[in-house]
Amino acid sequence: MIGCCRDMQRLPEVQQLVRSLAVENESLHEEMRELQRACSELSKENDKLETRIVEQSNSRNEATLKEQKGKQQQLDQQQQSPHDSFALPDLNLPAQDGADGSVPC
């Protein structure tokens, strides 16, 4: 019986400890929810940044490909232009038959 009285005296102390731990537990749960929201927001921001990086990379790759194509076309034109755009004059003189009195060279 004496042990029972001691336990009864400690009961309010234990109840207070339980209430205190319950409040702390709820506080930790709220902090956890806040951290989860922050992680979710950071994940969304990270996805946006990754998308932006991929788009910029694709844009740069396209620009590089266009530049390379332009250079290749320029090289192709330079290689073809002596044959296609410049025509040698015809230096062949008509044959003279001597009937006009001229003397062949």
C-alpha atoms as a PDB file:
ATOM      1  CA  MET A   1       0.000   0.000   0.000  1.00  0.00           C
ATOM      2  CA  ILE A   2       2.790   2.360   0.712  1.00  0.00           C
ATOM      3  CA  GLY A   3       4.139   1.798  -2.805  1.00  0.00           C
ATOM      4  CA  CYS A   4       0.705   2.622  -4.152  1.00  0.00           C
ATOM      5  CA  CYS A   5       0.710   6.007  -2.422  1.00  0.00           C
ATOM      6  CA  ARG A   6       4.096   6.885  -3.837  1.00  0.00           C
ATOM      7  CA  ASP A   7       2.900   5.997  -7.332  1.00  0.00           C
ATOM      8  CA  MET A   8      -0.164   8.174  -6.781  1.00  0.00           C
ATOM      9  CA  GLN A   9       2.036  11.079  -5.746  1.00  0.00           C
ATOM     10  CA  ARG A  10       4.097  10.712  -8.890  1.00  0.00           C
ATOM     11  CA  LEU A  11       1.058  10.489 -11.152  1.00  0.00           C
ATOM     12  CA  PRO A  12       0.647  14.263 -11.658  1.00  0.00           C
ATOM     13  CA  GLU A  13       4.367  14.521 -12.441  1.00  0.00           C
ATOM     14  CA  VAL A  14       4.115  11.708 -15.019  1.00  0.00           C
ATOM     15  CA  GLN A  15       0.953  13.219 -16.510  1.00  0.00           C
ATOM     16  CA  GLN A  16       2.709  16.564 -16.871  1.00  0.00           C
ATOM     17  CA  LEU A  17       5.665  14.861 -18.536  1.00  0.00           C
ATOM     18  CA  VAL A  18       3.310  13.081 -20.980  1.00  0.00           C
ATOM     19  CA  ARG A  19       1.554  16.381 -21.811  1.00  0.00           C
ATOM     20  CA  SER A  20       4.906  18.095 -22.318  1.00  0.00           C
ATOM     21  CA  LEU A  21       6.107  15.299 -24.604  1.00  0.00           C
ATOM     22  CA  ALA A  22       2.843  15.394 -26.565  1.00  0.00           C
ATOM     23  CA  VAL A  23       3.283  19.142 -27.157  1.00  0.00           C
ATOM     24  CA  GLU A  24       6.879  18.609 -28.229  1.00  0.00           C
ATOM     25  CA  ASN A  25       5.772  15.752 -30.501  1.00  0.00           C
ATOM     26  CA  GLU A  26       3.160  17.967 -32.162  1.00  0.00           C
ATOM     27  CA  SER A  27       5.737  20.719 -32.584  1.00  0.00           C
ATOM     28  CA  LEU A  28       8.125  18.273 -34.245  1.00  0.00           C
ATOM     29  CA  HIS A  29       5.337  17.046 -36.529  1.00  0.00           C
ATOM     30  CA  GLU A  30       4.598  20.628 -37.609  1.00  0.00           C
ATOM     31  CA  GLU A  31       8.298  21.258 -38.248  1.00  0.00           C
ATOM     32  CA  MET A  32       8.416  18.052 -40.306  1.00  0.00           C
ATOM     33  CA  ARG A  33       5.435  19.211 -42.410  1.00  0.00           C
ATOM     34  CA  GLU A  34       7.125  22.594 -42.981  1.00  0.00           C
ATOM     35  CA  LEU A  35      10.314  20.869 -44.080  1.00  0.00           C
ATOM     36  CA  GLN A  36       8.346  18.610 -46.436  1.00  0.00           C
ATOM     37  CA  ARG A  37       6.660  21.674 -47.982  1.00  0.00           C
ATOM     38  CA  ALA A  38      10.057  23.354 -48.368  1.00  0.00           C
ATOM     39  CA  CYS A  39      11.487  20.213 -49.994  1.00  0.00           C
ATOM     40  CA  SER A  40       8.526  20.072 -52.360  1.00  0.00           C
ATOM     41  CA  GLU A  41       9.011  23.724 -53.352  1.00  0.00           C
ATOM     42  CA  LEU A  42      12.740  23.179 -53.858  1.00  0.00           C
ATOM     43  CA  SER A  43      12.022  20.121 -55.979  1.00  0.00           C
ATOM     44  CA  LYS A  44       9.680  22.165 -58.193  1.00  0.00           C
ATOM     45  CA  GLU A  45      12.291  24.909 -58.525  1.00  0.00           C
ATOM     46  CA  ASN A  46      14.930  22.300 -59.342  1.00  0.00           C
ATOM     47  CA  ASP A  47      12.703  20.847 -62.077  1.00  0.00           C
ATOM     48  CA  LYS A  48      12.231  24.321 -63.579  1.00  0.00           C
ATOM     49  CA  LEU A  49      15.978  24.956 -63.555  1.00  0.00           C
ATOM     50  CA  GLU A  50      16.728  21.575 -65.108  1.00  0.00           C
ATOM     51  CA  THR A  51      14.192  22.268 -67.857  1.00  0.00           C
ATOM     52  CA  ARG A  52      15.777  25.662 -68.477  1.00  0.00           C
ATOM     53  CA  ILE A  53      19.260  24.138 -68.662  1.00  0.00           C
ATOM     54  CA  VAL A  54      18.086  21.492 -71.148  1.00  0.00           C
ATOM     55  CA  GLU A  55      16.386  24.143 -73.297  1.00  0.00           C
ATOM     56  CA  GLN A  56      19.494  26.342 -73.270  1.00  0.00           C
ATOM     57  CA  SER A  57      21.693  23.369 -74.107  1.00  0.00           C
ATOM     58  CA  ASN A  58      19.417  22.392 -76.990  1.00  0.00           C
ATOM     59  CA  SER A  59      19.393  25.977 -78.222  1.00  0.00           C
ATOM     60  CA  ARG A  60      23.194  26.140 -78.141  1.00  0.00           C
ATOM     61  CA  ASN A  61      23.443  22.805 -79.921  1.00  0.00           C
ATOM     62  CA  GLU A  62      21.078  24.018 -82.641  1.00  0.00           C
ATOM     63  CA  ALA A  63      23.062  27.241 -83.041  1.00  0.00           C
ATOM     64  CA  THR A  64      26.298  25.280 -83.271  1.00  0.00           C
ATOM     65  CA  LEU A  65      24.820  22.940 -85.866  1.00  0.00           C
ATOM     66  CA  LYS A  66      23.553  25.879 -87.929  1.00  0.00           C
ATOM     67  CA  GLU A  67      26.961  27.525 -87.714  1.00  0.00           C
ATOM     68  CA  GLN A  68      28.690  24.317 -88.780  1.00  0.00           C
ATOM     69  CA  LYS A  69      26.248  23.860 -91.656  1.00  0.00           C
ATOM     70  CA  GLY A  70      26.861  27.443 -92.748  1.00  0.00           C
ATOM     71  CA  LYS A  71      30.609  26.947 -92.677  1.00  0.00           C
ATOM     72  CA  GLN A  72      30.279  23.673 -94.583  1.00  0.00           C
ATOM     73  CA  GLN A  73      28.076  25.320 -97.199  1.00  0.00           C
ATOM     74  CA  GLN A  74      30.596  28.144 -97.497  1.00  0.00           C
ATOM     75  CA  LEU A  75      33.393  25.638 -97.992  1.00  0.00           C
ATOM     76  CA  ASP A  76      31.331  23.739-100.542  1.00  0.00           C
ATOM     77  CA  GLN A  77      30.602  26.953-102.425  1.00  0.00           C
ATOM     78  CA  GLN A  78      34.251  27.974-102.340  1.00  0.00           C
ATOM     79  CA  GLN A  79      35.274  24.616-103.707  1.00  0.00           C
ATOM     80  CA  GLN A  80      32.633  24.727-106.427  1.00  0.00           C
ATOM     81  CA  SER A  81      32.859  28.412-107.293  1.00  0.00           C
ATOM     82  CA  PRO A  82      36.040  28.252-109.418  1.00  0.00           C
ATOM     83  CA  HIS A  83      34.272  25.767-111.661  1.00  0.00           C
ATOM     84  CA  ASP A  84      30.757  27.131-111.596  1.00  0.00           C
ATOM     85  CA  SER A  85      30.896  30.894-111.342  1.00  0.00           C
ATOM     86  CA  PHE A  86      33.997  31.795-113.339  1.00  0.00           C
ATOM     87  CA  ALA A  87      34.002  30.934-117.007  1.00  0.00           C
ATOM     88  CA  LEU A  88      37.222  31.077-118.954  1.00  0.00           C
ATOM     89  CA  PRO A  89      36.984  33.176-122.100  1.00  0.00           C
ATOM     90  CA  ASP A  90      37.148  31.343-125.358  1.00  0.00           C
ATOM     91  CA  LEU A  91      40.604  32.170-126.708  1.00  0.00           C
ATOM     92  CA  ASN A  92      40.279  30.007-129.794  1.00  0.00           C
ATOM     93  CA  LEU A  93      40.404  32.216-132.840  1.00  0.00           C
ATOM     94  CA  PRO A  94      38.417  31.177-135.844  1.00  0.00           C
ATOM     95  CA  ALA A  95      40.452  29.359-138.418  1.00  0.00           C
ATOM     96  CA  GLN A  96      41.526  31.498-141.350  1.00  0.00           C
ATOM     97  CA  ASP A  97      41.449  29.973-144.789  1.00  0.00           C
ATOM     98  CA  GLY A  98      43.736  32.429-146.489  1.00  0.00           C
ATOM     99  CA  ALA A  99      41.075  33.513-148.964  1.00  0.00           C
ATOM    100  CA  ASP A 100      40.874  36.927-147.392  1.00  0.00           C
ATOM    101  CA  GLY A 101      44.531  37.539-148.023  1.00  0.00           C
ATOM    102  CA  SER A 102      45.701  37.408-144.439  1.00  0.00           C
ATOM    103  CA  VAL A 103      48.741  35.498-143.489  1.00  0.00           C
ATOM    104  CA  PRO A 104      48.531  32.940-140.684  1.00  0.00           C
ATOM    105  CA  CYS A 105      50.798  33.626-137.733  1.00  0.00           C
END
